Protein backbone atom coordinates (compact mmCIF):
# COMPACT_ATOMS: atom_id res chain seq x y z
CA UNK A 1 -11.00 -33.66 9.56
CA UNK A 2 -11.51 -32.88 6.24
CA UNK A 3 -12.32 -29.41 5.04
CA UNK A 4 -14.66 -29.43 2.03
CA UNK A 5 -14.66 -26.42 -0.05
CA UNK A 6 -16.79 -26.00 -3.14
CA UNK A 7 -15.31 -23.67 -6.09
CA UNK A 8 -17.97 -21.10 -5.15
CA UNK A 9 -16.74 -21.12 -1.54
CA UNK A 10 -12.85 -21.15 -2.00
CA UNK A 11 -11.35 -17.52 -2.62
CA UNK A 12 -7.77 -17.42 -3.33
CA UNK A 13 -5.55 -14.99 -1.31
CA UNK A 14 -6.09 -12.21 -3.71
CA UNK A 15 -9.45 -13.03 -4.58
CA UNK A 16 -11.77 -10.20 -6.71
CA UNK A 17 -14.16 -10.38 -3.92
CA UNK A 18 -11.61 -9.80 -1.32
CA UNK A 19 -10.30 -6.88 -2.81
CA UNK A 20 -13.36 -5.25 -3.53
CA UNK A 21 -14.37 -5.54 -0.02
CA UNK A 22 -10.96 -4.30 1.16
CA UNK A 23 -11.54 -1.28 -1.39
CA UNK A 24 -14.92 -0.64 0.38
CA UNK A 25 -12.88 -0.65 3.62
CA UNK A 26 -10.28 1.56 2.26
CA UNK A 27 -12.72 4.02 0.61
CA UNK A 28 -14.76 4.54 3.99
CA UNK A 29 -11.60 4.72 5.81
CA UNK A 30 -10.51 7.31 3.66
CA UNK A 31 -13.77 9.23 3.88
CA UNK A 32 -13.76 9.05 7.67
CA UNK A 33 -10.43 10.29 7.80
CA UNK A 34 -11.33 13.14 5.37
CA UNK A 35 -14.29 13.74 7.27
CA UNK A 36 -12.23 14.16 10.76
CA UNK A 37 -9.73 16.35 8.99
CA UNK A 38 -12.59 18.79 8.06
CA UNK A 39 -14.12 18.68 11.43
CA UNK A 40 -10.61 19.24 12.98
CA UNK A 41 -10.20 22.28 10.54
CA UNK A 42 -13.79 23.41 11.27
CA UNK A 43 -13.04 23.30 15.13
CA UNK A 44 -10.04 24.94 14.70
CA UNK A 45 -12.06 27.82 12.96
CA UNK A 46 -14.57 27.58 15.30
CA UNK A 47 -11.84 27.86 17.98
CA UNK A 48 -10.39 30.89 16.42
CA UNK A 49 -13.42 32.80 16.14
CA UNK A 50 -14.42 32.08 19.75
CA UNK A 51 -11.34 33.53 21.13
CA UNK A 52 -11.60 36.59 18.72
CA UNK A 53 -15.03 37.07 19.74
CA UNK A 54 -14.02 36.83 23.50
CA UNK A 55 -11.24 39.04 23.09
CA UNK A 56 -13.44 41.50 21.34
CA UNK A 57 -16.36 41.22 23.71
CA UNK A 58 -13.83 41.32 27.04
CA UNK A 59 -12.16 44.75 25.67
CA UNK A 60 -15.33 46.28 24.81
CA UNK A 61 -16.89 45.43 28.49
CA UNK A 62 -13.65 46.51 30.09
CA UNK A 63 -13.54 49.81 27.94
CA UNK A 64 -17.18 50.34 28.84
CA UNK A 65 -16.65 49.76 32.79
CA UNK A 66 -13.88 51.94 32.61
CA UNK A 67 -15.83 54.75 31.44
CA UNK A 68 -18.45 54.17 34.15
CA UNK A 69 -16.23 53.33 37.10
CA UNK A 70 -13.90 56.53 36.05
CA UNK A 71 -16.66 59.06 36.30
CA UNK A 72 -17.49 57.86 39.64
CA UNK A 73 -14.01 58.59 40.54
CA UNK A 74 -13.87 61.90 38.77
CA UNK A 75 -17.26 63.34 39.89
CA UNK A 76 -17.87 61.35 43.26
CA UNK A 77 -15.28 59.77 45.18
CA UNK A 78 -13.07 56.71 45.58
CA UNK A 79 -15.29 55.89 48.46
CA UNK A 80 -18.35 56.07 46.49
CA UNK A 81 -16.63 53.62 43.73
CA UNK A 82 -15.78 51.42 46.18
CA UNK A 83 -19.57 51.25 47.82
CA UNK A 84 -20.84 50.52 44.48
CA UNK A 85 -18.44 47.84 43.26
CA UNK A 86 -18.86 46.09 46.80
CA UNK A 87 -22.83 46.49 46.43
CA UNK A 88 -22.80 45.36 42.87
CA UNK A 89 -20.23 43.10 41.95
CA UNK A 90 -22.31 40.96 39.41
CA UNK A 91 -21.10 42.64 36.16
CA UNK A 92 -17.16 42.08 37.60
CA UNK A 93 -18.49 38.46 38.63
CA UNK A 94 -19.95 37.71 35.30
CA UNK A 95 -17.43 38.81 33.15
CA UNK A 96 -14.37 37.33 35.35
CA UNK A 97 -12.96 40.98 36.22
CA UNK A 98 -11.68 42.38 39.32
CA UNK A 99 -10.79 45.84 40.60
CA UNK A 100 -7.73 46.24 42.77
CA UNK A 101 -6.78 49.23 44.73
CA UNK A 102 -2.93 49.94 44.37
CA UNK A 103 -1.21 52.28 46.71
CA UNK A 104 2.25 53.52 45.76
CA UNK A 105 4.05 50.96 43.50
CA UNK A 106 3.93 47.85 45.84
CA UNK A 107 0.69 47.70 48.10
CA UNK A 108 -2.24 46.28 46.29
CA UNK A 109 -5.87 45.90 47.86
CA UNK A 110 -8.58 43.47 46.47
CA UNK A 111 -11.58 45.59 45.76
CA UNK A 112 -14.56 43.34 44.52
CA UNK A 113 -15.14 40.98 41.55
CA UNK A 114 -13.19 37.73 40.69
CA UNK A 115 -10.82 36.69 43.52
CA UNK A 116 -7.14 37.07 42.49
CA UNK A 117 -4.93 34.50 43.99
CA UNK A 118 -1.47 36.34 44.35
CA UNK A 119 -0.74 39.76 44.58
CA UNK A 120 0.88 42.15 43.65
CA UNK A 121 0.65 42.01 40.14
CA UNK A 122 2.57 43.82 37.61
CA UNK A 123 -0.48 45.59 36.18
CA UNK A 124 1.67 47.42 33.62
CA UNK A 125 2.65 44.49 31.84
CA UNK A 126 -0.62 43.51 31.12
CA UNK A 127 -2.13 46.68 29.77
CA UNK A 128 -5.15 46.36 27.45
CA UNK A 129 -3.95 48.60 25.02
CA UNK A 130 -0.81 46.67 24.22
CA UNK A 131 -2.79 43.27 24.07
CA UNK A 132 -4.17 41.45 21.12
CA UNK A 133 -6.47 38.40 20.35
CA UNK A 134 -3.76 36.34 20.48
CA UNK A 135 -3.10 36.69 24.27
CA UNK A 136 -6.17 34.77 24.78
CA UNK A 137 -4.81 31.75 22.48
CA UNK A 138 -1.50 32.09 24.53
CA UNK A 139 -3.18 32.28 27.84
CA UNK A 140 -2.00 35.53 29.31
CA UNK A 141 -2.92 35.33 32.84
CA UNK A 142 -4.29 38.91 32.90
CA UNK A 143 -5.67 41.96 31.04
CA UNK A 144 -5.49 45.55 33.02
CA UNK A 145 -7.09 48.68 32.42
CA UNK A 146 -6.44 51.92 34.81
CA UNK A 147 -9.36 53.55 36.20
CA UNK A 148 -7.86 56.49 38.05
CA UNK A 149 -6.65 59.34 35.82
CA UNK A 150 -3.24 60.37 36.06
CA UNK A 151 -4.15 63.73 37.97
CA UNK A 152 -6.96 64.57 40.17
CA UNK A 153 -8.08 68.05 39.73
CA UNK A 154 -8.37 70.43 42.87
CA UNK A 155 -8.91 74.13 43.11
CA UNK A 156 -8.92 75.97 40.12
CA UNK A 157 -5.73 75.90 38.27
CA UNK A 158 -4.08 73.28 40.90
CA UNK A 159 -3.51 69.61 40.41
CA UNK A 160 -1.99 66.74 42.38
CA UNK A 161 -0.43 63.44 41.47
CA UNK A 162 -2.79 60.66 42.30
CA UNK A 163 -0.95 58.08 44.64
CA UNK A 164 -3.83 55.90 44.85
CA UNK A 165 -4.73 53.93 41.59
CA UNK A 166 -7.79 51.64 40.89
CA UNK A 167 -7.21 48.86 38.32
CA UNK A 168 -9.84 46.87 36.28
CA UNK A 169 -8.22 43.33 35.75
CA UNK A 170 -9.52 40.83 33.55
CA UNK A 171 -8.65 37.07 34.92
CA UNK A 172 -8.08 35.41 31.60
CA UNK A 173 -7.86 31.80 32.92
CA UNK A 174 -11.30 32.06 34.23
CA UNK A 175 -12.62 33.64 30.97
CA UNK A 176 -11.01 31.01 28.94
CA UNK A 177 -12.65 28.24 31.26
CA UNK A 178 -16.15 29.48 29.91
CA UNK A 179 -14.68 29.26 26.17
CA UNK A 180 -13.13 25.89 26.82
CA UNK A 181 -16.75 24.72 27.66
CA UNK A 182 -18.09 26.11 24.57
CA UNK A 183 -15.05 24.60 22.76
CA UNK A 184 -15.96 21.11 24.17
CA UNK A 185 -19.57 21.61 23.51
CA UNK A 186 -18.84 22.21 20.00
CA UNK A 187 -16.49 19.38 19.65
CA UNK A 188 -18.94 16.81 21.04
CA UNK A 189 -21.53 18.23 18.51
CA UNK A 190 -19.15 17.80 15.73
CA UNK A 191 -18.00 14.13 17.06
CA UNK A 192 -21.68 12.71 17.23
CA UNK A 193 -22.23 14.40 13.90
CA UNK A 194 -19.41 12.50 12.23
CA UNK A 195 -20.50 9.18 14.03
CA UNK A 196 -23.78 9.84 12.36
CA UNK A 197 -22.68 10.60 9.01
CA UNK A 198 -20.22 7.95 9.05
CA UNK A 199 -22.85 5.47 9.74
CA UNK A 200 -25.25 6.58 7.05
CA UNK A 201 -22.30 6.66 4.21
CA UNK A 202 -20.95 2.89 5.40
CA UNK A 203 -24.56 1.91 4.66
CA UNK A 204 -24.85 3.95 1.75
CA UNK A 205 -21.27 2.66 0.45
CA UNK A 206 -22.24 -1.13 1.19
CA UNK A 207 -25.62 -1.06 -0.11
CA UNK A 208 -24.24 0.93 -3.65
CA UNK A 209 -21.10 -1.91 -3.81
CA UNK A 210 -23.12 -4.69 -2.94
CA UNK A 211 -23.84 -5.69 -6.64
CA UNK A 212 -19.99 -5.36 -7.21
CA UNK A 213 -19.16 -7.81 -4.52
CA UNK A 214 -21.86 -10.34 -6.16
CA UNK A 215 -20.16 -9.72 -9.32
CA UNK A 216 -16.82 -10.31 -7.93
CA UNK A 217 -17.53 -13.36 -6.32
CA UNK A 218 -18.91 -14.86 -9.32
CA UNK A 219 -15.32 -13.91 -11.07
CA UNK A 220 -13.71 -15.54 -8.14
CA UNK A 221 -15.67 -18.86 -9.03
CA UNK A 222 -14.91 -18.33 -12.67
CA UNK A 223 -11.23 -17.79 -11.87
CA UNK A 224 -10.81 -20.59 -9.89
CA UNK A 225 -11.98 -23.08 -12.45
CA UNK A 226 -10.19 -21.63 -15.29
CA UNK A 227 -7.30 -23.58 -16.69
CA UNK A 228 -6.47 -21.85 -20.15
CA UNK A 229 -3.21 -23.47 -20.86
CA UNK A 230 -2.54 -22.16 -24.68
CA UNK A 231 -1.81 -18.56 -23.38
CA UNK A 232 1.06 -17.74 -25.53
CA UNK A 233 -0.76 -18.85 -28.77
CA UNK A 234 -3.81 -17.00 -27.94
CA UNK A 235 -2.01 -14.08 -26.86
CA UNK A 236 -0.66 -13.91 -30.35
CA UNK A 237 -4.08 -13.92 -31.95
CA UNK A 238 -5.47 -10.27 -31.15
CA UNK A 239 -4.89 -6.96 -29.47
CA UNK A 240 -7.07 -7.97 -26.56
CA UNK A 241 -5.20 -10.96 -25.78
CA UNK A 242 -1.95 -8.83 -25.61
CA UNK A 243 -3.76 -6.05 -23.31
CA UNK A 244 -4.66 -9.08 -21.15
CA UNK A 245 -1.16 -10.36 -20.85
CA UNK A 246 -0.16 -6.73 -19.51
CA UNK A 247 -2.43 -7.56 -16.76
CA UNK A 248 -1.56 -11.13 -16.09
CA UNK A 249 -3.08 -13.24 -13.75
CA UNK A 250 -0.55 -12.50 -11.04
CA UNK A 251 -1.97 -8.93 -11.14
CA UNK A 252 -4.97 -10.61 -9.19
CA UNK A 253 -2.79 -10.54 -6.19
CA UNK A 254 -1.21 -7.16 -6.48
CA UNK A 255 -4.16 -5.16 -7.89
CA UNK A 256 -6.45 -3.44 -5.52
CA UNK A 257 -9.99 -2.86 -5.22
CA UNK A 258 -12.12 -1.94 -8.28
CA UNK A 259 -9.28 -2.28 -10.57
CA UNK A 260 -9.35 -5.87 -9.77
CA UNK A 261 -13.00 -6.09 -10.72
CA UNK A 262 -12.20 -4.59 -13.78
CA UNK A 263 -9.27 -6.97 -14.59
CA UNK A 264 -11.71 -9.72 -13.36
CA UNK A 265 -13.94 -8.96 -16.33
CA UNK A 266 -11.53 -8.52 -18.76
CA UNK A 267 -9.87 -12.00 -17.48
CA UNK A 268 -13.05 -13.62 -17.99
CA UNK A 269 -13.61 -12.26 -21.56
CA UNK A 270 -10.08 -13.42 -21.98
CA UNK A 271 -10.91 -16.98 -20.72
CA UNK A 272 -13.71 -17.39 -22.80
CA UNK A 273 -12.11 -16.31 -25.95
CA UNK A 274 -9.42 -18.77 -25.02
CA UNK A 275 -11.46 -21.42 -24.26
CA UNK A 276 -13.11 -21.28 -27.80
CA UNK A 277 -9.86 -21.01 -29.47
CA UNK A 278 -8.63 -24.06 -27.30
CA UNK A 279 -11.53 -26.07 -27.97
CA UNK A 280 -10.73 -25.29 -31.89
CA UNK A 281 -7.16 -26.64 -31.29
CA UNK A 282 -8.10 -29.49 -29.38
CA UNK A 283 -10.51 -30.74 -31.82
CA UNK A 284 -7.92 -30.25 -34.52
CA UNK A 285 -5.44 -32.35 -32.31
CA UNK A 286 -8.05 -34.90 -31.93
CA UNK A 287 -8.84 -35.34 -35.55
CA UNK A 288 -4.84 -35.47 -36.35
CA UNK A 289 -4.38 -38.23 -33.41
CA UNK A 290 -7.17 -40.28 -33.84
CA UNK A 291 -6.68 -40.77 -37.51
CA UNK A 292 -4.19 -43.21 -37.19
CA UNK A 293 -5.73 -45.61 -34.87
CA UNK A 294 -8.82 -45.15 -36.47
CA UNK A 295 -7.15 -45.92 -39.92
CA UNK A 296 -5.52 -49.13 -38.62
CA UNK A 297 -8.92 -50.12 -37.03
CA UNK A 298 -10.61 -49.92 -40.43
CA UNK A 299 -7.75 -51.50 -42.50
CA UNK A 300 -7.38 -54.36 -40.15
CA UNK A 301 -11.17 -54.87 -40.22
CA UNK A 302 -11.50 -54.59 -44.06
CA UNK A 303 -8.67 -56.88 -44.41
CA UNK A 304 -10.08 -59.72 -42.15
CA UNK A 305 -13.49 -59.44 -44.03
CA UNK A 306 -11.65 -59.36 -47.27
CA UNK A 307 -9.81 -62.66 -46.52
CA UNK A 308 -13.34 -64.22 -45.22
CA UNK A 309 -15.16 -63.35 -48.21
CA UNK A 310 -12.50 -64.66 -50.51
CA UNK A 311 -12.52 -68.00 -49.17
CA UNK A 312 -14.37 -70.55 -51.17
CA UNK A 313 -16.50 -73.31 -49.71
CA UNK A 314 -14.35 -76.28 -50.87
CA UNK A 315 -11.06 -74.40 -50.03
CA UNK A 316 -9.09 -75.97 -47.30
CA UNK A 317 -7.33 -73.80 -44.85
CA UNK A 318 -5.70 -74.75 -41.76
CA UNK A 319 -8.55 -73.70 -38.95
CA UNK A 320 -5.85 -72.88 -36.40
CA UNK A 321 -3.86 -70.56 -38.63
CA UNK A 322 -6.97 -68.68 -39.75
CA UNK A 323 -8.00 -68.26 -36.10
CA UNK A 324 -4.62 -66.99 -35.14
CA UNK A 325 -4.58 -64.61 -37.67
CA UNK A 326 -8.28 -63.09 -37.03
CA UNK A 327 -7.31 -62.91 -33.28
CA UNK A 328 -4.12 -60.75 -34.01
CA UNK A 329 -6.26 -58.55 -36.44
CA UNK A 330 -8.73 -58.15 -33.74
CA UNK A 331 -6.04 -57.56 -30.96
CA UNK A 332 -4.68 -54.90 -33.01
CA UNK A 333 -7.95 -53.24 -33.55
CA UNK A 334 -8.77 -53.70 -29.65
CA UNK A 335 -5.34 -51.74 -28.88
CA UNK A 336 -6.07 -48.99 -31.58
CA UNK A 337 -9.72 -48.52 -30.08
CA UNK A 338 -8.29 -48.51 -26.56
CA UNK A 339 -5.94 -45.71 -27.40
CA UNK A 340 -8.47 -43.48 -28.81
CA UNK A 341 -10.79 -44.27 -25.86
CA UNK A 342 -7.76 -43.11 -23.60
CA UNK A 343 -7.10 -40.23 -25.33
CA UNK A 344 -10.76 -38.91 -25.31
CA UNK A 345 -11.36 -39.96 -21.60
CA UNK A 346 -8.30 -38.08 -20.64
CA UNK A 347 -9.42 -35.05 -22.79
CA UNK A 348 -12.65 -35.06 -21.00
CA UNK A 349 -11.16 -35.40 -17.42
CA UNK A 350 -8.98 -32.29 -18.20
CA UNK A 351 -11.95 -30.64 -19.60
CA UNK A 352 -14.12 -31.43 -16.48
CA UNK A 353 -11.22 -30.47 -14.16
CA UNK A 354 -10.69 -26.90 -16.21
CA UNK A 355 -14.44 -26.13 -15.74
CA UNK A 356 -14.45 -27.11 -12.16
CA UNK A 357 -17.09 -29.60 -12.92
CA UNK A 358 -15.94 -31.58 -9.59
CA UNK A 359 -15.69 -30.60 -5.94
CA UNK A 360 -12.57 -29.85 -4.32
CA UNK A 361 -12.11 -31.76 -1.02
CA UNK A 362 -9.13 -30.30 1.21
CA UNK A 363 -7.64 -32.16 4.19
CA UNK A 364 -4.34 -32.75 5.88
CA UNK A 365 -2.07 -34.22 3.57
CA UNK A 366 1.35 -35.78 4.65
CA UNK A 367 3.76 -35.53 1.61
CA UNK A 368 5.83 -38.00 3.11
CA UNK A 369 3.25 -40.68 3.15
CA UNK A 370 1.68 -39.91 -0.26
CA UNK A 371 5.12 -39.87 -1.96
CA UNK A 372 6.00 -43.07 -0.19
CA UNK A 373 2.41 -44.54 -1.75
CA UNK A 374 3.16 -43.21 -5.21
CA UNK A 375 6.79 -45.04 -5.27
CA UNK A 376 5.02 -47.93 -4.24
CA UNK A 377 3.17 -48.02 -7.46
CA UNK A 378 6.27 -47.48 -9.61
CA UNK A 379 8.76 -49.66 -7.93
CA UNK A 380 8.50 -52.63 -10.08
CA UNK A 381 8.09 -50.57 -13.19
CA UNK A 382 11.63 -48.50 -12.29
CA UNK A 383 12.86 -51.74 -11.58
CA UNK A 384 12.23 -53.44 -14.97
CA UNK A 385 13.63 -50.42 -16.93
CA UNK A 386 16.68 -50.30 -14.56
CA UNK A 387 15.98 -47.06 -13.24
CA UNK A 388 16.79 -45.69 -9.21
CA UNK A 389 13.41 -44.55 -7.48
CA UNK A 390 13.76 -43.07 -4.14
CA UNK A 391 12.79 -40.27 -1.58
CA UNK A 392 14.64 -37.76 0.25
CA UNK A 393 14.93 -38.68 4.06
CA UNK A 394 13.80 -35.20 5.53
CA UNK A 395 11.34 -34.09 7.72
CA UNK A 396 7.54 -34.58 6.94
CA UNK A 397 5.50 -31.57 5.84
CA UNK A 398 1.60 -31.45 6.40
CA UNK A 399 -0.38 -29.14 4.39
CA UNK A 400 -3.83 -28.60 3.61
CA UNK A 401 -4.85 -29.81 0.28
CA UNK A 402 -7.01 -32.19 -2.06
CA UNK A 403 -5.32 -35.41 -1.65
CA UNK A 404 -6.92 -37.13 -4.91
CA UNK A 405 -5.55 -34.35 -7.11
CA UNK A 406 -2.22 -33.96 -5.63
CA UNK A 407 -1.82 -37.95 -6.03
CA UNK A 408 -2.89 -37.59 -9.40
CA UNK A 409 -0.22 -34.60 -10.07
CA UNK A 410 2.21 -36.74 -8.30
CA UNK A 411 1.72 -39.85 -10.28
CA UNK A 412 1.62 -37.88 -13.61
CA UNK A 413 5.24 -36.42 -12.76
CA UNK A 414 6.57 -39.81 -11.74
CA UNK A 415 5.22 -41.49 -14.70
CA UNK A 416 7.04 -38.92 -16.98
CA UNK A 417 10.19 -38.84 -15.46
CA UNK A 418 10.43 -42.93 -15.57
CA UNK A 419 9.09 -42.61 -18.99
CA UNK A 420 11.65 -40.31 -20.28
CA UNK A 421 14.52 -41.69 -18.20
CA UNK A 422 17.16 -44.35 -19.34
CA UNK A 423 18.77 -47.46 -17.65
CA UNK A 424 20.86 -46.29 -15.03
CA UNK A 425 19.12 -43.01 -14.22
CA UNK A 426 17.80 -41.86 -10.95
CA UNK A 427 14.15 -40.41 -10.36
CA UNK A 428 13.93 -38.85 -6.62
CA UNK A 429 10.85 -37.17 -4.94
CA UNK A 430 11.59 -34.78 -2.28
CA UNK A 431 9.36 -32.42 -0.23
CA UNK A 432 9.81 -29.36 2.46
CA UNK A 433 9.36 -25.66 3.25
CA UNK A 434 10.04 -22.35 1.26
CA UNK A 435 9.15 -19.24 2.68
CA UNK A 436 6.34 -20.62 4.71
CA UNK A 437 4.84 -22.69 1.71
CA UNK A 438 4.70 -26.36 1.26
CA UNK A 439 6.59 -28.08 -1.75
CA UNK A 440 6.74 -31.46 -3.36
CA UNK A 441 9.21 -32.03 -6.12
CA UNK A 442 10.35 -34.75 -8.86
CA UNK A 443 13.55 -34.82 -10.24
CA UNK A 444 15.19 -37.34 -12.66
CA UNK A 445 18.41 -37.49 -14.51
CA UNK A 446 16.85 -38.28 -17.69
CA UNK A 447 16.88 -37.04 -21.26
CA UNK A 448 15.85 -33.52 -20.04
CA UNK A 449 13.77 -30.88 -21.82
CA UNK A 450 15.17 -28.14 -24.42
CA UNK A 451 14.82 -24.53 -23.22
CA UNK A 452 12.75 -23.68 -26.08
CA UNK A 453 10.25 -26.47 -25.62
CA UNK A 454 9.93 -25.94 -21.64
CA UNK A 455 7.04 -23.31 -21.74
CA UNK A 456 4.93 -25.54 -24.19
CA UNK A 457 5.02 -28.88 -22.11
CA UNK A 458 1.89 -27.96 -20.43
CA UNK A 459 -0.13 -27.53 -23.46
CA UNK A 460 -2.81 -30.20 -24.48
CA UNK A 461 -1.31 -32.76 -26.97
CA UNK A 462 1.90 -31.22 -27.10
CA UNK A 463 5.03 -33.66 -26.87
CA UNK A 464 8.63 -32.75 -26.70
CA UNK A 465 9.30 -36.11 -28.17
CA UNK A 466 8.10 -35.55 -31.85
CA UNK A 467 9.22 -38.65 -33.09
CA UNK A 468 6.82 -40.20 -30.68
CA UNK A 469 8.88 -43.02 -29.74
CA UNK A 470 7.22 -43.19 -26.21
CA UNK A 471 3.70 -44.13 -25.64
CA UNK A 472 1.47 -41.44 -24.60
CA UNK A 473 -0.97 -38.69 -25.52
CA UNK A 474 1.01 -35.37 -24.52
CA UNK A 475 -1.89 -35.11 -21.85
CA UNK A 476 -0.06 -35.90 -18.52
CA UNK A 477 1.40 -32.18 -17.97
CA UNK A 478 -1.55 -30.61 -19.45
CA UNK A 479 -3.61 -32.70 -16.77
CA UNK A 480 -0.97 -31.42 -13.70
CA UNK A 481 -1.40 -27.80 -14.87
CA UNK A 482 -5.33 -27.62 -14.71
CA UNK A 483 -5.46 -29.43 -11.37
CA UNK A 484 -2.53 -27.06 -10.08
CA UNK A 485 -4.83 -24.19 -10.92
CA UNK A 486 -7.78 -25.85 -9.20
CA UNK A 487 -5.67 -26.05 -6.03
CA UNK A 488 -4.11 -22.67 -6.49
CA UNK A 489 -1.21 -24.08 -6.49
CA UNK A 490 1.93 -23.69 -9.29
CA UNK A 491 4.87 -25.61 -10.66
CA UNK A 492 8.32 -24.37 -11.57
CA UNK A 493 10.58 -26.41 -14.16
CA UNK A 494 14.09 -26.70 -13.72
CA UNK A 495 15.63 -28.70 -16.86
CA UNK A 496 19.02 -29.21 -18.81
CA UNK A 497 18.88 -31.14 -22.02
CA UNK A 498 20.88 -34.54 -21.64
CA UNK A 499 21.13 -34.10 -17.99
CA UNK A 500 17.41 -34.25 -16.48
CA UNK A 501 14.79 -32.20 -15.16
CA UNK A 502 12.94 -31.22 -11.72
CA UNK A 503 9.39 -30.38 -11.63
CA UNK A 504 8.70 -28.48 -8.28
CA UNK A 505 5.17 -28.11 -7.05
CA UNK A 506 4.44 -25.15 -5.00
CA UNK A 507 1.60 -25.88 -2.59
CA UNK A 508 -0.21 -23.85 0.07
CA UNK A 509 1.19 -22.73 3.43
CA UNK A 510 2.35 -25.61 5.47
CA UNK A 511 0.64 -26.68 8.70
CA UNK A 512 3.38 -28.46 10.35
CA UNK A 513 6.75 -29.81 9.99
CA UNK A 514 7.90 -33.08 11.64
CA UNK A 515 11.39 -32.35 13.20
């Protein structure tokens, strides 16, 4: 089943729109994280304030109740105190307090208030005077304060030690339960508030960045269709080009967020500038390369006309010889015109591919089957030149790509290898998977390419063979380059002058590999 994908829809793995949307998600994630941290800090501050407030209020209440109950002990009696505590325990219950009667050092009796599970309690260890607000935070079980005076007044001038003591005890865990309820309530309010704020901010960020997403999508569309091949010449032209080079096309795959958008705008400006300069260079090259065939057409035509006009009416010339000469002249004209037409056609195809005029149709492609087909087209040519043409016996690889473009790429590479190989050389096709990505390569044992010329062979109308002993326009590899750009693929050249070359096309992720 084929997958049709227009250039407006095909966004590369490091597409600018993808990175801007990723930036939106990262921006929102950072905001949410910051919001949560702020709310956690607020919750901690609120918790600290609540604990401090509870401790302050509890101590105030215990001090107040101590004064009230102590007056009953001093001016009334212990029985009166117990009667009041049993009759009106509300104050104790509301404040999580209890009153304990201690006789001697061991015996303790619960009088009123919040029930205490275990007695006796070491009341001296939880004195209110020795406590701080951190005792609430550390969950100290009790706070205590003695109600009974140290000595009980008797008759004038006599006192006795009081063996019965009354203690006011605060049950800290019970008090903390009320504090926890407040803490949970505040936490729920903050959580709901954070969700509401996050939703509002998400909508605001989305609405704000929507124009940038639209711009990024347009840049992606432009980026996919670009195939500027004369980068080195353009980079040397201006400081702007040097700045673009420092960012480079590969930065699209590593840059993030709005930085990618900025680089995309710069890259579009660079590509537009490159297109103008490339057009100027192409026109100059066309004028140069078309001059020779057009001159031959002109000279041959003029010579034929001159001979025709110079003949006198009574001159006798063999009709067959004249006809053969005219046919040869016209054949020469036709061949030159054909060369000029082929050059223009190829240039137009490269231009159409570079600007993304044709739709990309992706489908599952068997690299073994495609290589076999291309080999069958060149078997006779290779045999005539005495060149061996073969394919590696390796497992088949299937990937998702445009079969027409990949076929044209392979045709150009095989044609180049055969063209620049000599009798007895070998041309070999290979395919496989490297790091999860499919590849297909064409290698030969031909004349090879000099190191200083390897970077320029993909430029339009460039020919490493300056003697032009081989037929061609110097556009085959330029066509390969723009088609690879359309497929978001790349090519690697390995060559040694005099020993041969290898062109390895790196495609997309492999779908399957036959065992």
